[in-house]
């Protein structure tokens, strides 16, 4: 299920990148989306979605910064 969601996020990223010229914002959005997706899964597993999201949004921001740095190197 996570794999399917990841494919959908990748498709959304490709569509979004083709529509926008600013790569930095796509990296941040990709990281935040990935963090929220992971945290949503963790939250459901723990039975508390709010707790999962409160953990996941900061993780998403960190992932977004990581993706932004990775795109700058390429």
PDB file of N, CA and C in Angstrom:
ATOM      1  N   UNK A   1       0.829  -1.197   0.000  1.00  0.00           N
ATOM      2  CA  UNK A   1       0.000   0.000   0.000  1.00  0.00           C
ATOM      3  C   UNK A   1       0.871   1.258   0.000  1.00  0.00           C
ATOM      4  N   UNK A   2       1.943   1.251   0.774  1.00  0.00           N
ATOM      5  CA  UNK A   2       2.862   2.401   0.789  1.00  0.00           C
ATOM      6  C   UNK A   2       3.514   2.558  -0.582  1.00  0.00           C
ATOM      7  N   UNK A   3       3.847   1.416  -1.212  1.00  0.00           N
ATOM      8  CA  UNK A   3       4.467   1.433  -2.536  1.00  0.00           C
ATOM      9  C   UNK A   3       3.539   2.091  -3.558  1.00  0.00           C
ATOM     10  N   UNK A   4       2.255   1.730  -3.522  1.00  0.00           N
ATOM     11  CA  UNK A   4       1.271   2.313  -4.446  1.00  0.00           C
ATOM     12  C   UNK A   4       1.161   3.813  -4.207  1.00  0.00           C
ATOM     13  N   UNK A   5       1.118   4.211  -2.939  1.00  0.00           N
ATOM     14  CA  UNK A   5       1.014   5.631  -2.614  1.00  0.00           C
ATOM     15  C   UNK A   5       2.241   6.388  -3.114  1.00  0.00           C
ATOM     16  N   UNK A   6       3.420   5.764  -2.991  1.00  0.00           N
ATOM     17  CA  UNK A   6       4.660   6.398  -3.427  1.00  0.00           C
ATOM     18  C   UNK A   6       4.642   6.619  -4.944  1.00  0.00           C
ATOM     19  N   UNK A   7       4.121   5.643  -5.683  1.00  0.00           N
ATOM     20  CA  UNK A   7       4.011   5.797  -7.134  1.00  0.00           C
ATOM     21  C   UNK A   7       3.104   6.980  -7.466  1.00  0.00           C
ATOM     22  N   UNK A   8       1.976   7.076  -6.747  1.00  0.00           N
ATOM     23  CA  UNK A   8       1.053   8.189  -6.990  1.00  0.00           C
ATOM     24  C   UNK A   8       1.720   9.529  -6.679  1.00  0.00           C
ATOM     25  N   UNK A   9       2.478   9.594  -5.586  1.00  0.00           N
ATOM     26  CA  UNK A   9       3.177  10.831  -5.226  1.00  0.00           C
ATOM     27  C   UNK A   9       4.192  11.188  -6.313  1.00  0.00           C
ATOM     28  N   UNK A  10       4.900  10.174  -6.848  1.00  0.00           N
ATOM     29  CA  UNK A  10       5.853  10.435  -7.925  1.00  0.00           C
ATOM     30  C   UNK A  10       5.157  10.983  -9.162  1.00  0.00           C
ATOM     31  N   UNK A  11       3.983  10.418  -9.503  1.00  0.00           N
ATOM     32  CA  UNK A  11       3.229  10.925 -10.653  1.00  0.00           C
ATOM     33  C   UNK A  11       2.815  12.369 -10.419  1.00  0.00           C
ATOM     34  N   UNK A  12       2.350  12.662  -9.197  1.00  0.00           N
ATOM     35  CA  UNK A  12       1.931  14.026  -8.881  1.00  0.00           C
ATOM     36  C   UNK A  12       3.127  14.969  -8.972  1.00  0.00           C
ATOM     37  N   UNK A  13       4.293  14.528  -8.504  1.00  0.00           N
ATOM     38  CA  UNK A  13       5.493  15.366  -8.573  1.00  0.00           C
ATOM     39  C   UNK A  13       5.878  15.659 -10.015  1.00  0.00           C
ATOM     40  N   UNK A  14       5.809  14.641 -10.881  1.00  0.00           N
ATOM     41  CA  UNK A  14       6.162  14.845 -12.290  1.00  0.00           C
ATOM     42  C   UNK A  14       5.216  15.850 -12.932  1.00  0.00           C
ATOM     43  N   UNK A  15       3.929  15.714 -12.646  1.00  0.00           N
ATOM     44  CA  UNK A  15       2.954  16.662 -13.204  1.00  0.00           C
ATOM     45  C   UNK A  15       3.208  18.059 -12.660  1.00  0.00           C
ATOM     46  N   UNK A  16       3.496  18.141 -11.371  1.00  0.00           N
ATOM     47  CA  UNK A  16       3.708  19.437 -10.734  1.00  0.00           C
ATOM     48  C   UNK A  16       4.973  20.094 -11.271  1.00  0.00           C
ATOM     49  N   UNK A  17       6.048  19.315 -11.432  1.00  0.00           N
ATOM     50  CA  UNK A  17       7.307  19.870 -11.924  1.00  0.00           C
ATOM     51  C   UNK A  17       7.178  20.350 -13.368  1.00  0.00           C
ATOM     52  N   UNK A  18       6.373  19.653 -14.158  1.00  0.00           N
ATOM     53  CA  UNK A  18       6.208  20.081 -15.543  1.00  0.00           C
ATOM     54  C   UNK A  18       5.395  21.373 -15.618  1.00  0.00           C
ATOM     55  N   UNK A  19       4.580  21.652 -14.597  1.00  0.00           N
ATOM     56  CA  UNK A  19       3.759  22.865 -14.601  1.00  0.00           C
ATOM     57  C   UNK A  19       4.443  24.060 -13.957  1.00  0.00           C
ATOM     58  N   UNK A  20       5.500  23.829 -13.175  1.00  0.00           N
ATOM     59  CA  UNK A  20       6.163  24.933 -12.479  1.00  0.00           C
ATOM     60  C   UNK A  20       7.632  24.979 -12.852  1.00  0.00           C
ATOM     61  N   UNK A  21       8.194  26.167 -12.753  1.00  0.00           N
ATOM     62  CA  UNK A  21       9.611  26.320 -13.070  1.00  0.00           C
ATOM     63  C   UNK A  21      10.474  26.329 -11.813  1.00  0.00           C
ATOM     64  N   UNK A  22       9.867  26.528 -10.637  1.00  0.00           N
ATOM     65  CA  UNK A  22      10.642  26.629  -9.399  1.00  0.00           C
ATOM     66  C   UNK A  22      10.838  25.243  -8.797  1.00  0.00           C
ATOM     67  N   UNK A  23      12.055  24.721  -8.933  1.00  0.00           N
ATOM     68  CA  UNK A  23      12.346  23.358  -8.463  1.00  0.00           C
ATOM     69  C   UNK A  23      12.432  23.285  -6.939  1.00  0.00           C
ATOM     70  N   UNK A  24      12.812  24.379  -6.282  1.00  0.00           N
ATOM     71  CA  UNK A  24      12.963  24.348  -4.822  1.00  0.00           C
ATOM     72  C   UNK A  24      11.632  24.072  -4.136  1.00  0.00           C
ATOM     73  N   UNK A  25      10.558  24.680  -4.642  1.00  0.00           N
ATOM     74  CA  UNK A  25       9.249  24.470  -4.007  1.00  0.00           C
ATOM     75  C   UNK A  25       8.781  23.027  -4.217  1.00  0.00           C
ATOM     76  N   UNK A  26       9.103  22.440  -5.373  1.00  0.00           N
ATOM     77  CA  UNK A  26       8.677  21.055  -5.602  1.00  0.00           C
ATOM     78  C   UNK A  26       9.413  20.115  -4.663  1.00  0.00           C
ATOM     79  N   UNK A  27      10.674  20.404  -4.384  1.00  0.00           N
ATOM     80  CA  UNK A  27      11.439  19.565  -3.457  1.00  0.00           C
ATOM     81  C   UNK A  27      10.828  19.628  -2.067  1.00  0.00           C
ATOM     82  N   UNK A  28      10.458  20.822  -1.620  1.00  0.00           N
ATOM     83  CA  UNK A  28       9.853  20.965  -0.294  1.00  0.00           C
ATOM     84  C   UNK A  28       8.502  20.268  -0.253  1.00  0.00           C
ATOM     85  N   UNK A  29       7.697  20.454  -1.292  1.00  0.00           N
ATOM     86  CA  UNK A  29       6.369  19.827  -1.320  1.00  0.00           C
ATOM     87  C   UNK A  29       6.509  18.312  -1.351  1.00  0.00           C
ATOM     88  N   UNK A  30       7.460  17.814  -2.117  1.00  0.00           N
ATOM     89  CA  UNK A  30       7.689  16.368  -2.189  1.00  0.00           C
ATOM     90  C   UNK A  30       8.079  15.823  -0.817  1.00  0.00           C
ATOM     91  N   UNK A  31       8.973  16.507  -0.126  1.00  0.00           N
ATOM     92  CA  UNK A  31       9.402  16.069   1.200  1.00  0.00           C
ATOM     93  C   UNK A  31       8.271  16.101   2.211  1.00  0.00           C
ATOM     94  N   UNK A  32       7.486  17.178   2.194  1.00  0.00           N
ATOM     95  CA  UNK A  32       6.377  17.291   3.139  1.00  0.00           C
ATOM     96  C   UNK A  32       5.320  16.229   2.838  1.00  0.00           C
ATOM     97  N   UNK A  33       5.035  15.991   1.547  1.00  0.00           N
ATOM     98  CA  UNK A  33       4.049  14.970   1.176  1.00  0.00           C
ATOM     99  C   UNK A  33       4.508  13.593   1.624  1.00  0.00           C
ATOM    100  N   UNK A  34       5.797  13.311   1.441  1.00  0.00           N
ATOM    101  CA  UNK A  34       6.332  12.015   1.851  1.00  0.00           C
ATOM    102  C   UNK A  34       6.281  11.866   3.372  1.00  0.00           C
ATOM    103  N   UNK A  35       6.653  12.916   4.080  1.00  0.00           N
ATOM    104  CA  UNK A  35       6.610  12.878   5.546  1.00  0.00           C
ATOM    105  C   UNK A  35       5.199  12.693   6.076  1.00  0.00           C
ATOM    106  N   UNK A  36       4.235  13.397   5.477  1.00  0.00           N
ATOM    107  CA  UNK A  36       2.839  13.270   5.914  1.00  0.00           C
ATOM    108  C   UNK A  36       2.311  11.877   5.588  1.00  0.00           C
ATOM    109  N   UNK A  37       2.695  11.339   4.427  1.00  0.00           N
ATOM    110  CA  UNK A  37       2.250   9.986   4.055  1.00  0.00           C
ATOM    111  C   UNK A  37       2.793   8.951   5.036  1.00  0.00           C
ATOM    112  N   UNK A  38       4.081   9.056   5.349  1.00  0.00           N
ATOM    113  CA  UNK A  38       4.688   8.121   6.308  1.00  0.00           C
ATOM    114  C   UNK A  38       4.063   8.273   7.689  1.00  0.00           C
ATOM    115  N   UNK A  39       3.889   9.519   8.117  1.00  0.00           N
ATOM    116  CA  UNK A  39       3.344   9.750   9.457  1.00  0.00           C
ATOM    117  C   UNK A  39       1.892   9.319   9.541  1.00  0.00           C
ATOM    118  N   UNK A  40       1.147   9.461   8.445  1.00  0.00           N
ATOM    119  CA  UNK A  40      -0.242   8.994   8.430  1.00  0.00           C
ATOM    120  C   UNK A  40      -0.307   7.496   8.647  1.00  0.00           C
ATOM    121  N   UNK A  41       0.592   6.769   8.002  1.00  0.00           N
ATOM    122  CA  UNK A  41       0.670   5.323   8.200  1.00  0.00           C
ATOM    123  C   UNK A  41       1.057   4.966   9.622  1.00  0.00           C
ATOM    124  N   UNK A  42       2.022   5.706  10.168  1.00  0.00           N
ATOM    125  CA  UNK A  42       2.443   5.466  11.556  1.00  0.00           C
ATOM    126  C   UNK A  42       1.290   5.779  12.508  1.00  0.00           C
ATOM    127  N   UNK A  43       0.591   6.893  12.243  1.00  0.00           N
ATOM    128  CA  UNK A  43      -0.523   7.308  13.105  1.00  0.00           C
ATOM    129  C   UNK A  43      -1.650   6.296  13.107  1.00  0.00           C
ATOM    130  N   UNK A  44      -1.977   5.757  11.941  1.00  0.00           N
ATOM    131  CA  UNK A  44      -3.028   4.743  11.857  1.00  0.00           C
ATOM    132  C   UNK A  44      -2.592   3.481  12.594  1.00  0.00           C
ATOM    133  N   UNK A  45      -1.310   3.122  12.450  1.00  0.00           N
ATOM    134  CA  UNK A  45      -0.805   1.939  13.145  1.00  0.00           C
ATOM    135  C   UNK A  45      -0.881   2.125  14.660  1.00  0.00           C
ATOM    136  N   UNK A  46      -0.631   3.339  15.128  1.00  0.00           N
ATOM    137  CA  UNK A  46      -0.707   3.611  16.561  1.00  0.00           C
ATOM    138  C   UNK A  46      -2.142   3.876  17.015  1.00  0.00           C
ATOM    139  N   UNK A  47      -3.037   4.094  16.057  1.00  0.00           N
ATOM    140  CA  UNK A  47      -4.428   4.385  16.398  1.00  0.00           C
ATOM    141  C   UNK A  47      -4.659   5.842  16.728  1.00  0.00           C
ATOM    142  N   UNK A  48      -3.715   6.699  16.388  1.00  0.00           N
ATOM    143  CA  UNK A  48      -3.875   8.124  16.680  1.00  0.00           C
ATOM    144  C   UNK A  48      -3.307   8.934  15.517  1.00  0.00           C
ATOM    145  N   UNK A  49      -4.171   9.344  14.613  1.00  0.00           N
ATOM    146  CA  UNK A  49      -3.736  10.035  13.399  1.00  0.00           C
ATOM    147  C   UNK A  49      -3.131  11.405  13.723  1.00  0.00           C
ATOM    148  N   UNK A  50      -3.695  12.108  14.693  1.00  0.00           N
ATOM    149  CA  UNK A  50      -3.189  13.444  15.040  1.00  0.00           C
ATOM    150  C   UNK A  50      -1.744  13.356  15.531  1.00  0.00           C
ATOM    151  N   UNK A  51      -1.472  12.351  16.366  1.00  0.00           N
ATOM    152  CA  UNK A  51      -0.105  12.141  16.857  1.00  0.00           C
ATOM    153  C   UNK A  51       0.834  11.834  15.693  1.00  0.00           C
ATOM    154  N   UNK A  52       0.380  10.983  14.771  1.00  0.00           N
ATOM    155  CA  UNK A  52       1.186  10.644  13.607  1.00  0.00           C
ATOM    156  C   UNK A  52       1.503  11.856  12.755  1.00  0.00           C
ATOM    157  N   UNK A  53       0.505  12.708  12.513  1.00  0.00           N
ATOM    158  CA  UNK A  53       0.730  13.903  11.700  1.00  0.00           C
ATOM    159  C   UNK A  53       1.623  14.906  12.421  1.00  0.00           C
ATOM    160  N   UNK A  54       1.473  15.025  13.740  1.00  0.00           N
ATOM    161  CA  UNK A  54       2.308  15.980  14.476  1.00  0.00           C
ATOM    162  C   UNK A  54       3.767  15.540  14.472  1.00  0.00           C
ATOM    163  N   UNK A  55       4.014  14.243  14.343  1.00  0.00           N
ATOM    164  CA  UNK A  55       5.388  13.748  14.198  1.00  0.00           C
ATOM    165  C   UNK A  55       5.844  13.919  12.745  1.00  0.00           C
ATOM    166  N   UNK A  56       4.945  13.691  11.807  1.00  0.00           N
ATOM    167  CA  UNK A  56       5.311  13.603  10.395  1.00  0.00           C
ATOM    168  C   UNK A  56       5.561  14.908   9.689  1.00  0.00           C
ATOM    169  N   UNK A  57       4.872  15.977  10.083  1.00  0.00           N
ATOM    170  CA  UNK A  57       5.075  17.244   9.370  1.00  0.00           C
ATOM    171  C   UNK A  57       6.497  17.770   9.580  1.00  0.00           C
ATOM    172  N   UNK A  58       7.054  17.756  10.806  1.00  0.00           N
ATOM    173  CA  UNK A  58       8.474  18.138  10.942  1.00  0.00           C
ATOM    174  C   UNK A  58       9.421  17.212  10.174  1.00  0.00           C
ATOM    175  N   UNK A  59       9.126  15.904  10.180  1.00  0.00           N
ATOM    176  CA  UNK A  59       9.934  14.961   9.402  1.00  0.00           C
ATOM    177  C   UNK A  59       9.856  15.343   7.923  1.00  0.00           C
ATOM    178  N   UNK A  60       8.653  15.704   7.459  1.00  0.00           N
ATOM    179  CA  UNK A  60       8.461  16.111   6.067  1.00  0.00           C
ATOM    180  C   UNK A  60       9.261  17.346   5.711  1.00  0.00           C
ATOM    181  N   UNK A  61       9.312  18.302   6.624  1.00  0.00           N
ATOM    182  CA  UNK A  61      10.086  19.528   6.355  1.00  0.00           C
ATOM    183  C   UNK A  61      11.566  19.201   6.235  1.00  0.00           C
ATOM    184  N   UNK A  62      12.064  18.319   7.120  1.00  0.00           N
ATOM    185  CA  UNK A  62      13.464  17.898   7.048  1.00  0.00           C
ATOM    186  C   UNK A  62      13.735  17.169   5.735  1.00  0.00           C
ATOM    187  N   UNK A  63      12.806  16.265   5.334  1.00  0.00           N
ATOM    188  CA  UNK A  63      12.962  15.563   4.053  1.00  0.00           C
ATOM    189  C   UNK A  63      12.948  16.555   2.886  1.00  0.00           C
ATOM    190  N   UNK A  64      12.101  17.566   2.986  1.00  0.00           N
ATOM    191  CA  UNK A  64      12.045  18.586   1.941  1.00  0.00           C
ATOM    192  C   UNK A  64      13.370  19.321   1.786  1.00  0.00           C
ATOM    193  N   UNK A  65      13.991  19.667   2.910  1.00  0.00           N
ATOM    194  CA  UNK A  65      15.308  20.327   2.866  1.00  0.00           C
ATOM    195  C   UNK A  65      16.337  19.397   2.242  1.00  0.00           C
ATOM    196  N   UNK A  66      16.252  18.104   2.614  1.00  0.00           N
ATOM    197  CA  UNK A  66      17.172  17.108   2.063  1.00  0.00           C
ATOM    198  C   UNK A  66      16.996  17.006   0.542  1.00  0.00           C
ATOM    199  N   UNK A  67      15.736  16.931   0.069  1.00  0.00           N
ATOM    200  CA  UNK A  67      15.484  16.847  -1.373  1.00  0.00           C
ATOM    201  C   UNK A  67      15.959  18.113  -2.085  1.00  0.00           C
ATOM    202  N   UNK A  68      15.781  19.270  -1.424  1.00  0.00           N
ATOM    203  CA  UNK A  68      16.198  20.527  -2.048  1.00  0.00           C
ATOM    204  C   UNK A  68      17.706  20.543  -2.248  1.00  0.00           C
ATOM    205  N   UNK A  69      18.452  20.093  -1.235  1.00  0.00           N
ATOM    206  CA  UNK A  69      19.919  20.046  -1.352  1.00  0.00           C
ATOM    207  C   UNK A  69      20.334  19.042  -2.413  1.00  0.00           C
ATOM    208  N   UNK A  70      19.629  17.926  -2.484  1.00  0.00           N
ATOM    209  CA  UNK A  70      19.959  16.885  -3.460  1.00  0.00           C
ATOM    210  C   UNK A  70      19.753  17.415  -4.885  1.00  0.00           C
ATOM    211  N   UNK A  71      18.674  18.186  -5.109  1.00  0.00           N
ATOM    212  CA  UNK A  71      18.424  18.730  -6.448  1.00  0.00           C
ATOM    213  C   UNK A  71      19.432  19.808  -6.820  1.00  0.00           C
ATOM    214  N   UNK A  72      19.921  20.565  -5.839  1.00  0.00           N
ATOM    215  CA  UNK A  72      20.918  21.602  -6.139  1.00  0.00           C
ATOM    216  C   UNK A  72      22.231  20.987  -6.625  1.00  0.00           C
ATOM    217  N   UNK A  73      22.582  19.815  -6.081  1.00  0.00           N
ATOM    218  CA  UNK A  73      23.830  19.150  -6.469  1.00  0.00           C
ATOM    219  C   UNK A  73      23.776  18.638  -7.905  1.00  0.00           C
ATOM    220  N   UNK A  74      22.584  18.241  -8.355  1.00  0.00           N
ATOM    221  CA  UNK A  74      22.470  17.633  -9.705  1.00  0.00           C
ATOM    222  C   UNK A  74      22.619  18.649 -10.811  1.00  0.00           C
TER     223      UNK A  74
END
